[in-house]
Amino acid sequence: MPIQKTIKRELRVAFSRKAQPVWFRVIKWAIIITLVWRFWREPRLWLSLLVIFILGIPVHLFWRWKTHGWTRAWGGWSDVEAGKEID
């Protein structure tokens, strides 16, 4: 699969409205923004964000592997429509 199609699929899945309920997204981002605001001047903030990002990559790849490239439901993720190709 060409890289452009892969990136489009990843973005469709990432911004799918069915992947996470709106209330969950609001709470998640409120917590993230509050924590960054609270710890902005702490020297460990950027290290913590880097560690979270690095740990998130294998989790993302694992989920992608288990869902066969976002085409099958697995582990609470069931929006297979977002993973389908759009021509």
Protein backbone atom coordinates (compact mmCIF):
# COMPACT_ATOMS: atom_id res chain seq x y z
CA MET A 1 0.00 0.00 0.00
CA PRO A 2 1.42 3.41 -0.91
CA ILE A 3 2.46 5.59 1.99
CA GLN A 4 -0.11 8.30 1.11
CA LYS A 5 -2.99 5.82 1.43
CA THR A 6 -1.57 4.53 4.69
CA ILE A 7 -1.32 8.06 6.12
CA LYS A 8 -4.88 8.88 5.01
CA ARG A 9 -6.17 5.70 6.67
CA GLU A 10 -4.27 6.44 9.88
CA LEU A 11 -5.73 9.96 9.99
CA ARG A 12 -9.28 8.69 9.33
CA VAL A 13 -8.91 6.24 12.21
CA ALA A 14 -7.30 8.82 14.50
CA PHE A 15 -10.08 11.35 13.96
CA SER A 16 -12.95 8.88 13.79
CA ARG A 17 -15.90 10.02 15.87
CA LYS A 18 -16.80 6.42 16.65
CA ALA A 19 -13.40 5.47 18.10
CA GLN A 20 -13.90 7.39 21.34
CA PRO A 21 -17.04 9.02 22.71
CA VAL A 22 -17.07 12.83 22.75
CA TRP A 23 -17.26 12.95 26.56
CA PHE A 24 -14.11 10.80 26.77
CA ARG A 25 -12.21 13.06 24.36
CA VAL A 26 -13.23 16.20 26.26
CA ILE A 27 -12.12 14.73 29.59
CA LYS A 28 -8.89 13.34 28.07
CA TRP A 29 -7.85 16.67 26.55
CA ALA A 30 -8.90 18.62 29.65
CA ILE A 31 -6.62 16.41 31.75
CA ILE A 32 -3.73 16.66 29.26
CA ILE A 33 -3.99 20.47 29.01
CA THR A 34 -4.31 20.83 32.79
CA LEU A 35 -1.26 18.66 33.45
CA VAL A 36 0.87 20.45 30.86
CA TRP A 37 -0.22 23.83 32.25
CA ARG A 38 0.51 22.68 35.81
CA PHE A 39 3.96 21.23 35.06
CA TRP A 40 5.02 23.68 32.31
CA ARG A 41 8.04 25.00 34.22
CA GLU A 42 9.15 21.60 35.49
CA PRO A 43 12.32 20.29 33.84
CA ARG A 44 10.88 16.77 33.61
CA LEU A 45 7.83 17.80 31.54
CA TRP A 46 9.52 17.37 28.16
CA LEU A 47 11.18 14.13 29.21
CA SER A 48 7.81 12.80 30.40
CA LEU A 49 6.11 13.79 27.14
CA LEU A 50 8.90 12.14 25.15
CA VAL A 51 8.57 8.91 27.16
CA ILE A 52 4.79 8.90 26.67
CA PHE A 53 5.25 9.43 22.92
CA ILE A 54 7.86 6.67 22.66
CA LEU A 55 5.69 4.23 24.63
CA GLY A 56 2.67 5.18 22.53
CA ILE A 57 4.29 4.09 19.28
CA PRO A 58 4.48 0.36 20.13
CA VAL A 59 0.95 0.48 21.56
CA HIS A 60 -0.27 2.02 18.30
CA LEU A 61 1.57 -0.54 16.18
CA PHE A 62 0.29 -3.40 18.35
CA TRP A 63 -3.32 -2.22 17.94
CA ARG A 64 -2.79 -1.79 14.22
CA TRP A 65 -1.42 -5.34 14.01
CA LYS A 66 -4.30 -6.84 16.01
CA THR A 67 -6.90 -5.01 13.91
CA HIS A 68 -5.18 -6.04 10.65
CA GLY A 69 -4.55 -2.44 9.61
CA TRP A 70 -7.77 -1.06 11.13
CA THR A 71 -9.97 -3.43 9.11
CA ARG A 72 -11.16 -5.70 11.96
CA ALA A 73 -12.55 -4.95 15.39
CA TRP A 74 -10.37 -5.80 18.39
CA GLY A 75 -9.98 -4.71 22.01
CA GLY A 76 -12.69 -2.09 22.23
CA TRP A 77 -12.03 -0.60 18.81
CA SER A 78 -14.89 -1.34 16.43
CA ASP A 79 -14.97 1.48 13.88
CA VAL A 80 -13.92 -0.62 10.89
CA GLU A 81 -15.53 1.90 8.52
CA ALA A 82 -12.78 4.41 9.31
CA GLY A 83 -10.18 1.84 8.29
CA LYS A 84 -11.67 1.11 4.89
CA GLU A 85 -10.11 2.61 1.80
CA ILE A 86 -11.82 5.55 0.16
CA ASP A 87 -11.17 5.86 -3.55
